[in-house]
Amino acid sequence: GAKLRAEDLTHEETRRLLDLIAAETRKMFDDGLLPEILTVD
């Protein structure tokens, strides 16, 4: 993974990722699904 450091997300991409994960998780809850969604590290 050390070789992938240059391939990590930018800070702005990471923020958009969190927004996307939160929105998609909310949609699943609104649809009556109750997944366990986590971010790690």
All heavy atoms as atom14 arrays in JSON, in Angstrom:
{
  "sequence": "GAKLRAEDLTHEETRRLLDLIAAETRKMFDDGLLPEILTVD",
  "atom14_mask": [
    [1, 1, 1, 1, 0, 0, 0, 0, 0, 0, 0, 0, 0, 0],
    [1, 1, 1, 1, 1, 0, 0, 0, 0, 0, 0, 0, 0, 0],
    [1, 1, 1, 1, 1, 1, 1, 1, 1, 0, 0, 0, 0, 0],
    [1, 1, 1, 1, 1, 1, 1, 1, 0, 0, 0, 0, 0, 0],
    [1, 1, 1, 1, 1, 1, 1, 1, 1, 1, 1, 0, 0, 0],
    [1, 1, 1, 1, 1, 0, 0, 0, 0, 0, 0, 0, 0, 0],
    [1, 1, 1, 1, 1, 1, 1, 1, 1, 0, 0, 0, 0, 0],
    [1, 1, 1, 1, 1, 1, 1, 1, 0, 0, 0, 0, 0, 0],
    [1, 1, 1, 1, 1, 1, 1, 1, 0, 0, 0, 0, 0, 0],
    [1, 1, 1, 1, 1, 1, 1, 0, 0, 0, 0, 0, 0, 0],
    [1, 1, 1, 1, 1, 1, 1, 1, 1, 1, 0, 0, 0, 0],
    [1, 1, 1, 1, 1, 1, 1, 1, 1, 0, 0, 0, 0, 0],
    [1, 1, 1, 1, 1, 1, 1, 1, 1, 0, 0, 0, 0, 0],
    [1, 1, 1, 1, 1, 1, 1, 0, 0, 0, 0, 0, 0, 0],
    [1, 1, 1, 1, 1, 1, 1, 1, 1, 1, 1, 0, 0, 0],
    [1, 1, 1, 1, 1, 1, 1, 1, 1, 1, 1, 0, 0, 0],
    [1, 1, 1, 1, 1, 1, 1, 1, 0, 0, 0, 0, 0, 0],
    [1, 1, 1, 1, 1, 1, 1, 1, 0, 0, 0, 0, 0, 0],
    [1, 1, 1, 1, 1, 1, 1, 1, 0, 0, 0, 0, 0, 0],
    [1, 1, 1, 1, 1, 1, 1, 1, 0, 0, 0, 0, 0, 0],
    [1, 1, 1, 1, 1, 1, 1, 1, 0, 0, 0, 0, 0, 0],
    [1, 1, 1, 1, 1, 0, 0, 0, 0, 0, 0, 0, 0, 0],
    [1, 1, 1, 1, 1, 0, 0, 0, 0, 0, 0, 0, 0, 0],
    [1, 1, 1, 1, 1, 1, 1, 1, 1, 0, 0, 0, 0, 0],
    [1, 1, 1, 1, 1, 1, 1, 0, 0, 0, 0, 0, 0, 0],
    [1, 1, 1, 1, 1, 1, 1, 1, 1, 1, 1, 0, 0, 0],
    [1, 1, 1, 1, 1, 1, 1, 1, 1, 0, 0, 0, 0, 0],
    [1, 1, 1, 1, 1, 1, 1, 1, 0, 0, 0, 0, 0, 0],
    [1, 1, 1, 1, 1, 1, 1, 1, 1, 1, 1, 0, 0, 0],
    [1, 1, 1, 1, 1, 1, 1, 1, 0, 0, 0, 0, 0, 0],
    [1, 1, 1, 1, 1, 1, 1, 1, 0, 0, 0, 0, 0, 0],
    [1, 1, 1, 1, 0, 0, 0, 0, 0, 0, 0, 0, 0, 0],
    [1, 1, 1, 1, 1, 1, 1, 1, 0, 0, 0, 0, 0, 0],
    [1, 1, 1, 1, 1, 1, 1, 1, 0, 0, 0, 0, 0, 0],
    [1, 1, 1, 1, 1, 1, 1, 0, 0, 0, 0, 0, 0, 0],
    [1, 1, 1, 1, 1, 1, 1, 1, 1, 0, 0, 0, 0, 0],
    [1, 1, 1, 1, 1, 1, 1, 1, 0, 0, 0, 0, 0, 0],
    [1, 1, 1, 1, 1, 1, 1, 1, 0, 0, 0, 0, 0, 0],
    [1, 1, 1, 1, 1, 1, 1, 0, 0, 0, 0, 0, 0, 0],
    [1, 1, 1, 1, 1, 1, 1, 0, 0, 0, 0, 0, 0, 0],
    [1, 1, 1, 1, 1, 1, 1, 1, 0, 0, 0, 0, 0, 0]
  ],
  "atom14_positions": [
    [[0.81, -1.21, 0.0], [0.0, 0.0, 0.0], [0.84, 1.26, 0.0], [0.39, 2.32, -0.43], [0.0, 0.0, 0.0], [0.0, 0.0, 0.0], [0.0, 0.0, 0.0], [0.0, 0.0, 0.0], [0.0, 0.0, 0.0], [0.0, 0.0, 0.0], [0.0, 0.0, 0.0], [0.0, 0.0, 0.0], [0.0, 0.0, 0.0], [0.0, 0.0, 0.0]],
    [[2.12, 1.16, 0.49], [2.99, 2.33, 0.51], [3.23, 2.87, -0.9], [3.41, 4.07, -1.11], [4.31, 1.98, 1.19], [0.0, 0.0, 0.0], [0.0, 0.0, 0.0], [0.0, 0.0, 0.0], [0.0, 0.0, 0.0], [0.0, 0.0, 0.0], [0.0, 0.0, 0.0], [0.0, 0.0, 0.0], [0.0, 0.0, 0.0], [0.0, 0.0, 0.0]],
    [[3.24, 1.96, -1.87], [3.43, 2.38, -3.25], [2.21, 3.11, -3.8], [2.29, 3.77, -4.83], [3.73, 1.15, -4.12], [4.98, 0.37, -3.69], [5.16, -0.88, -4.52], [6.36, -1.69, -4.05], [6.53, -2.95, -4.81], [0.0, 0.0, 0.0], [0.0, 0.0, 0.0], [0.0, 0.0, 0.0], [0.0, 0.0, 0.0], [0.0, 0.0, 0.0]],
    [[1.09, 2.97, -3.1], [-0.15, 3.59, -3.55], [-0.41, 4.96, -2.93], [-1.46, 5.53, -3.13], [-1.33, 2.68, -3.21], [-1.53, 1.44, -4.07], [-2.71, 0.64, -3.55], [-1.74, 1.8, -5.52], [0.0, 0.0, 0.0], [0.0, 0.0, 0.0], [0.0, 0.0, 0.0], [0.0, 0.0, 0.0], [0.0, 0.0, 0.0], [0.0, 0.0, 0.0]],
    [[0.57, 5.47, -2.18], [0.32, 6.74, -1.5], [-0.12, 7.82, -2.47], [-1.04, 8.59, -2.18], [1.57, 7.18, -0.74], [1.35, 8.49, 0.01], [2.52, 8.87, 0.88], [2.27, 10.16, 1.51], [3.09, 10.75, 2.35], [4.22, 10.16, 2.69], [2.79, 11.93, 2.87], [0.0, 0.0, 0.0], [0.0, 0.0, 0.0], [0.0, 0.0, 0.0]],
    [[0.51, 7.85, -3.64], [0.14, 8.85, -4.63], [-1.24, 8.6, -5.2], [-1.83, 9.48, -5.83], [1.17, 8.87, -5.76], [0.0, 0.0, 0.0], [0.0, 0.0, 0.0], [0.0, 0.0, 0.0], [0.0, 0.0, 0.0], [0.0, 0.0, 0.0], [0.0, 0.0, 0.0], [0.0, 0.0, 0.0], [0.0, 0.0, 0.0], [0.0, 0.0, 0.0]],
    [[-1.77, 7.38, -4.98], [-3.1, 7.04, -5.5], [-4.18, 7.2, -4.45], [-5.34, 6.87, -4.69], [-3.09, 5.6, -6.02], [-1.99, 5.29, -7.02], [-2.0, 6.24, -8.21], [-3.1, 6.65, -8.64], [-0.91, 6.58, -8.7], [0.0, 0.0, 0.0], [0.0, 0.0, 0.0], [0.0, 0.0, 0.0], [0.0, 0.0, 0.0], [0.0, 0.0, 0.0]],
    [[-3.81, 7.67, -3.25], [-4.82, 7.91, -2.22], [-5.7, 9.08, -2.65], [-5.32, 9.9, -3.5], [-4.13, 8.22, -0.88], [-5.09, 8.13, 0.3], [-6.23, 7.65, 0.1], [-4.69, 8.5, 1.41], [0.0, 0.0, 0.0], [0.0, 0.0, 0.0], [0.0, 0.0, 0.0], [0.0, 0.0, 0.0], [0.0, 0.0, 0.0], [0.0, 0.0, 0.0]],
    [[-6.86, 9.18, -2.06], [-7.78, 10.27, -2.38], [-7.22, 11.61, -1.91], [-6.5, 11.68, -0.91], [-9.13, 10.04, -1.7], [-9.86, 8.73, -1.97], [-11.23, 8.76, -1.31], [-9.98, 8.45, -3.45], [0.0, 0.0, 0.0], [0.0, 0.0, 0.0], [0.0, 0.0, 0.0], [0.0, 0.0, 0.0], [0.0, 0.0, 0.0], [0.0, 0.0, 0.0]],
    [[-7.54, 12.66, -2.62], [-7.25, 14.0, -2.13], [-8.18, 14.28, -0.96], [-9.16, 13.57, -0.73], [-7.48, 15.05, -3.22], [-8.88, 15.08, -3.54], [-6.67, 14.74, -4.48], [0.0, 0.0, 0.0], [0.0, 0.0, 0.0], [0.0, 0.0, 0.0], [0.0, 0.0, 0.0], [0.0, 0.0, 0.0], [0.0, 0.0, 0.0], [0.0, 0.0, 0.0]],
    [[-7.88, 15.33, -0.23], [-8.76, 15.7, 0.89], [-10.17, 15.99, 0.42], [-11.15, 15.61, 1.07], [-8.17, 16.9, 1.63], [-6.93, 16.57, 2.38], [-6.21, 17.51, 3.08], [-6.27, 15.39, 2.58], [-5.16, 16.93, 3.65], [-5.18, 15.65, 3.35], [0.0, 0.0, 0.0], [0.0, 0.0, 0.0], [0.0, 0.0, 0.0], [0.0, 0.0, 0.0]],
    [[-10.3, 16.67, -0.71], [-11.62, 17.01, -1.22], [-12.36, 15.75, -1.67], [-13.58, 15.61, -1.44], [-11.51, 18.0, -2.39], [-12.85, 18.49, -2.91], [-13.75, 19.1, -1.84], [-13.23, 19.8, -0.95], [-14.98, 18.86, -1.89], [0.0, 0.0, 0.0], [0.0, 0.0, 0.0], [0.0, 0.0, 0.0], [0.0, 0.0, 0.0], [0.0, 0.0, 0.0]],
    [[-11.65, 14.81, -2.29], [-12.27, 13.56, -2.69], [-12.74, 12.77, -1.46], [-13.81, 12.13, -1.5], [-11.29, 12.71, -3.5], [-11.07, 13.22, -4.92], [-9.94, 12.49, -5.62], [-8.98, 12.03, -4.94], [-10.0, 12.39, -6.86], [0.0, 0.0, 0.0], [0.0, 0.0, 0.0], [0.0, 0.0, 0.0], [0.0, 0.0, 0.0], [0.0, 0.0, 0.0]],
    [[-11.96, 12.82, -0.39], [-12.35, 12.11, 0.83], [-13.62, 12.71, 1.42], [-14.51, 11.99, 1.88], [-11.22, 12.15, 1.86], [-10.02, 11.61, 1.28], [-11.57, 11.34, 3.09], [0.0, 0.0, 0.0], [0.0, 0.0, 0.0], [0.0, 0.0, 0.0], [0.0, 0.0, 0.0], [0.0, 0.0, 0.0], [0.0, 0.0, 0.0], [0.0, 0.0, 0.0]],
    [[-13.72, 14.01, 1.41], [-14.92, 14.67, 1.92], [-16.14, 14.27, 1.09], [-17.22, 13.99, 1.65], [-14.72, 16.19, 1.92], [-13.61, 16.67, 2.84], [-13.27, 18.14, 2.6], [-14.28, 19.01, 3.14], [-14.26, 19.53, 4.38], [-13.26, 19.25, 5.2], [-15.2, 20.32, 4.79], [0.0, 0.0, 0.0], [0.0, 0.0, 0.0], [0.0, 0.0, 0.0]],
    [[-15.98, 14.24, -0.22], [-17.11, 13.84, -1.08], [-17.47, 12.38, -0.84], [-18.65, 12.0, -0.89], [-16.76, 14.08, -2.55], [-16.69, 15.56, -2.93], [-16.84, 15.76, -4.43], [-15.76, 15.12, -5.18], [-14.62, 15.72, -5.51], [-14.4, 16.99, -5.17], [-13.7, 15.07, -6.2], [0.0, 0.0, 0.0], [0.0, 0.0, 0.0], [0.0, 0.0, 0.0]],
    [[-16.45, 11.55, -0.59], [-16.71, 10.15, -0.28], [-17.57, 10.01, 0.97], [-18.54, 9.23, 0.98], [-15.38, 9.4, -0.09], [-15.5, 7.97, 0.46], [-16.15, 7.05, -0.56], [-14.12, 7.44, 0.87], [0.0, 0.0, 0.0], [0.0, 0.0, 0.0], [0.0, 0.0, 0.0], [0.0, 0.0, 0.0], [0.0, 0.0, 0.0], [0.0, 0.0, 0.0]],
    [[-17.22, 10.75, 2.03], [-18.01, 10.67, 3.26], [-19.44, 11.14, 3.04], [-20.39, 10.53, 3.56], [-17.34, 11.51, 4.36], [-16.45, 10.75, 5.34], [-17.29, 9.84, 6.24], [-15.39, 9.92, 4.62], [0.0, 0.0, 0.0], [0.0, 0.0, 0.0], [0.0, 0.0, 0.0], [0.0, 0.0, 0.0], [0.0, 0.0, 0.0], [0.0, 0.0, 0.0]],
    [[-19.6, 12.18, 2.25], [-20.96, 12.66, 1.94], [-21.74, 11.58, 1.2], [-22.93, 11.36, 1.47], [-20.89, 13.93, 1.08], [-20.38, 15.14, 1.85], [-20.43, 15.12, 3.1], [-19.92, 16.1, 1.2], [0.0, 0.0, 0.0], [0.0, 0.0, 0.0], [0.0, 0.0, 0.0], [0.0, 0.0, 0.0], [0.0, 0.0, 0.0], [0.0, 0.0, 0.0]],
    [[-21.08, 10.92, 0.25], [-21.74, 9.87, -0.53], [-22.14, 8.69, 0.35], [-23.27, 8.19, 0.27], [-20.81, 9.41, -1.65], [-21.26, 8.19, -2.47], [-22.57, 8.5, -3.19], [-20.18, 7.79, -3.47], [0.0, 0.0, 0.0], [0.0, 0.0, 0.0], [0.0, 0.0, 0.0], [0.0, 0.0, 0.0], [0.0, 0.0, 0.0], [0.0, 0.0, 0.0]],
    [[-21.21, 8.24, 1.2], [-21.5, 7.1, 2.07], [-22.65, 7.43, 3.01], [-23.56, 6.61, 3.22], [-20.24, 6.69, 2.86], [-19.18, 6.12, 1.91], [-20.58, 5.68, 3.95], [-17.83, 5.87, 2.57], [0.0, 0.0, 0.0], [0.0, 0.0, 0.0], [0.0, 0.0, 0.0], [0.0, 0.0, 0.0], [0.0, 0.0, 0.0], [0.0, 0.0, 0.0]],
    [[-22.63, 8.63, 3.58], [-23.71, 9.04, 4.49], [-25.05, 9.08, 3.76], [-26.07, 8.6, 4.27], [-23.39, 10.4, 5.1], [0.0, 0.0, 0.0], [0.0, 0.0, 0.0], [0.0, 0.0, 0.0], [0.0, 0.0, 0.0], [0.0, 0.0, 0.0], [0.0, 0.0, 0.0], [0.0, 0.0, 0.0], [0.0, 0.0, 0.0], [0.0, 0.0, 0.0]],
    [[-25.05, 9.63, 2.55], [-26.3, 9.75, 1.79], [-26.85, 8.38, 1.39], [-28.06, 8.12, 1.52], [-26.08, 10.6, 0.54], [0.0, 0.0, 0.0], [0.0, 0.0, 0.0], [0.0, 0.0, 0.0], [0.0, 0.0, 0.0], [0.0, 0.0, 0.0], [0.0, 0.0, 0.0], [0.0, 0.0, 0.0], [0.0, 0.0, 0.0], [0.0, 0.0, 0.0]],
    [[-25.98, 7.5, 0.93], [-26.42, 6.17, 0.51], [-26.91, 5.35, 1.71], [-27.87, 4.58, 1.61], [-25.29, 5.43, -0.22], [-24.94, 6.01, -1.57], [-26.03, 5.8, -2.6], [-26.89, 4.91, -2.41], [-26.05, 6.54, -3.61], [0.0, 0.0, 0.0], [0.0, 0.0, 0.0], [0.0, 0.0, 0.0], [0.0, 0.0, 0.0], [0.0, 0.0, 0.0]],
    [[-26.24, 5.5, 2.84], [-26.67, 4.79, 4.05], [-28.03, 5.28, 4.49], [-28.92, 4.49, 4.86], [-25.64, 4.97, 5.18], [-24.35, 4.55, 4.74], [-26.03, 4.17, 6.41], [0.0, 0.0, 0.0], [0.0, 0.0, 0.0], [0.0, 0.0, 0.0], [0.0, 0.0, 0.0], [0.0, 0.0, 0.0], [0.0, 0.0, 0.0], [0.0, 0.0, 0.0]],
    [[-28.22, 6.59, 4.45], [-29.52, 7.17, 4.81], [-30.63, 6.65, 3.89], [-31.74, 6.33, 4.35], [-29.45, 8.7, 4.72], [-30.76, 9.41, 4.97], [-31.13, 9.41, 6.44], [-30.34, 10.4, 7.17], [-30.3, 10.51, 8.48], [-31.02, 9.66, 9.21], [-29.57, 11.43, 9.08], [0.0, 0.0, 0.0], [0.0, 0.0, 0.0], [0.0, 0.0, 0.0]],
    [[-30.34, 6.54, 2.6], [-31.34, 6.03, 1.66], [-31.76, 4.61, 2.04], [-32.94, 4.27, 1.99], [-30.77, 6.03, 0.23], [-30.69, 7.38, -0.44], [-30.14, 7.22, -1.84], [-29.86, 8.55, -2.5], [-29.22, 8.37, -3.84], [0.0, 0.0, 0.0], [0.0, 0.0, 0.0], [0.0, 0.0, 0.0], [0.0, 0.0, 0.0], [0.0, 0.0, 0.0]],
    [[-30.79, 3.79, 2.41], [-31.11, 2.4, 2.77], [-31.97, 2.36, 4.02], [-32.92, 1.58, 4.11], [-29.82, 1.59, 2.95], [-29.04, 1.39, 1.66], [-27.64, 0.24, 1.81], [-28.49, -1.34, 1.88], [0.0, 0.0, 0.0], [0.0, 0.0, 0.0], [0.0, 0.0, 0.0], [0.0, 0.0, 0.0], [0.0, 0.0, 0.0], [0.0, 0.0, 0.0]],
    [[-31.66, 3.21, 5.0], [-32.48, 3.27, 6.22], [-33.89, 3.76, 5.89], [-34.88, 3.24, 6.42], [-31.82, 4.18, 7.26], [-30.89, 3.44, 8.19], [-29.69, 2.93, 7.75], [-31.24, 3.25, 9.52], [-28.84, 2.24, 8.59], [-30.4, 2.56, 10.39], [-29.2, 2.05, 9.92], [0.0, 0.0, 0.0], [0.0, 0.0, 0.0], [0.0, 0.0, 0.0]],
    [[-33.98, 4.76, 5.02], [-35.29, 5.28, 4.63], [-36.12, 4.21, 3.91], [-37.36, 4.24, 3.96], [-35.13, 6.5, 3.72], [-34.62, 7.72, 4.47], [-34.66, 7.71, 5.72], [-34.17, 8.68, 3.81], [0.0, 0.0, 0.0], [0.0, 0.0, 0.0], [0.0, 0.0, 0.0], [0.0, 0.0, 0.0], [0.0, 0.0, 0.0], [0.0, 0.0, 0.0]],
    [[-35.44, 3.28, 3.25], [-36.12, 2.2, 2.53], [-36.42, 1.0, 3.43], [-36.87, -0.05, 2.94], [-35.29, 1.75, 1.34], [-35.24, 2.79, 0.23], [-36.11, 3.68, 0.22], [-34.33, 2.72, -0.62], [0.0, 0.0, 0.0], [0.0, 0.0, 0.0], [0.0, 0.0, 0.0], [0.0, 0.0, 0.0], [0.0, 0.0, 0.0], [0.0, 0.0, 0.0]],
    [[-36.16, 1.15, 4.72], [-36.47, 0.08, 5.66], [-35.37, -0.94, 5.82], [-35.53, -1.94, 6.52], [0.0, 0.0, 0.0], [0.0, 0.0, 0.0], [0.0, 0.0, 0.0], [0.0, 0.0, 0.0], [0.0, 0.0, 0.0], [0.0, 0.0, 0.0], [0.0, 0.0, 0.0], [0.0, 0.0, 0.0], [0.0, 0.0, 0.0], [0.0, 0.0, 0.0]],
    [[-34.24, -0.71, 5.15], [-33.08, -1.59, 5.3], [-32.2, -1.04, 6.43], [-32.12, 0.18, 6.61], [-32.28, -1.65, 4.0], [-33.08, -2.09, 2.76], [-32.23, -1.95, 1.52], [-33.58, -3.52, 2.92], [0.0, 0.0, 0.0], [0.0, 0.0, 0.0], [0.0, 0.0, 0.0], [0.0, 0.0, 0.0], [0.0, 0.0, 0.0], [0.0, 0.0, 0.0]],
    [[-31.55, -1.91, 7.17], [-30.78, -1.46, 8.33], [-29.35, -2.0, 8.26], [-28.91, -2.77, 9.13], [-31.46, -1.92, 9.63], [-32.9, -1.44, 9.84], [-33.49, -2.08, 11.08], [-32.95, 0.07, 9.92], [0.0, 0.0, 0.0], [0.0, 0.0, 0.0], [0.0, 0.0, 0.0], [0.0, 0.0, 0.0], [0.0, 0.0, 0.0], [0.0, 0.0, 0.0]],
    [[-28.58, -1.6, 7.25], [-27.21, -2.1, 7.14], [-26.31, -1.47, 8.19], [-26.59, -0.38, 8.71], [-26.8, -1.65, 5.74], [-27.54, -0.36, 5.57], [-28.88, -0.6, 6.23], [0.0, 0.0, 0.0], [0.0, 0.0, 0.0], [0.0, 0.0, 0.0], [0.0, 0.0, 0.0], [0.0, 0.0, 0.0], [0.0, 0.0, 0.0], [0.0, 0.0, 0.0]],
    [[-25.23, -2.15, 8.5], [-24.19, -1.58, 9.35], [-23.09, -1.08, 8.43], [-22.37, -1.87, 7.82], [-23.66, -2.62, 10.33], [-22.69, -2.03, 11.35], [-22.19, -3.05, 12.36], [-22.52, -4.25, 12.22], [-21.44, -2.64, 13.27], [0.0, 0.0, 0.0], [0.0, 0.0, 0.0], [0.0, 0.0, 0.0], [0.0, 0.0, 0.0], [0.0, 0.0, 0.0]],
    [[-22.96, 0.22, 8.31], [-21.97, 0.84, 7.42], [-20.95, 1.59, 8.26], [-21.32, 2.39, 9.13], [-22.63, 1.81, 6.43], [-23.79, 1.13, 5.69], [-21.6, 2.36, 5.45], [-23.4, -0.02, 4.81], [0.0, 0.0, 0.0], [0.0, 0.0, 0.0], [0.0, 0.0, 0.0], [0.0, 0.0, 0.0], [0.0, 0.0, 0.0], [0.0, 0.0, 0.0]],
    [[-19.68, 1.32, 8.01], [-18.61, 1.94, 8.8], [-17.51, 2.45, 7.88], [-17.32, 1.94, 6.78], [-17.99, 0.93, 9.78], [-18.92, 0.2, 10.72], [-19.24, -1.2, 10.19], [-18.31, 0.08, 12.11], [0.0, 0.0, 0.0], [0.0, 0.0, 0.0], [0.0, 0.0, 0.0], [0.0, 0.0, 0.0], [0.0, 0.0, 0.0], [0.0, 0.0, 0.0]],
    [[-16.8, 3.46, 8.37], [-15.53, 3.84, 7.75], [-14.42, 3.52, 8.75], [-14.64, 3.57, 9.96], [-15.48, 5.33, 7.37], [-15.55, 6.14, 8.56], [-16.62, 5.69, 6.42], [0.0, 0.0, 0.0], [0.0, 0.0, 0.0], [0.0, 0.0, 0.0], [0.0, 0.0, 0.0], [0.0, 0.0, 0.0], [0.0, 0.0, 0.0], [0.0, 0.0, 0.0]],
    [[-13.26, 3.17, 8.24], [-12.18, 2.66, 9.08], [-10.86, 3.32, 8.69], [-10.59, 3.55, 7.51], [-12.06, 1.12, 8.94], [-11.05, 0.56, 9.96], [-13.41, 0.44, 9.11], [0.0, 0.0, 0.0], [0.0, 0.0, 0.0], [0.0, 0.0, 0.0], [0.0, 0.0, 0.0], [0.0, 0.0, 0.0], [0.0, 0.0, 0.0], [0.0, 0.0, 0.0]],
    [[-10.05, 3.64, 9.7], [-8.66, 4.07, 9.53], [-8.48, 5.52, 9.13], [-7.4, 5.91, 8.66], [-7.9, 3.15, 8.56], [-7.79, 1.73, 9.08], [-7.91, 1.55, 10.31], [-7.59, 0.8, 8.28], [0.0, 0.0, 0.0], [0.0, 0.0, 0.0], [0.0, 0.0, 0.0], [0.0, 0.0, 0.0], [0.0, 0.0, 0.0], [0.0, 0.0, 0.0]]
  ]
}
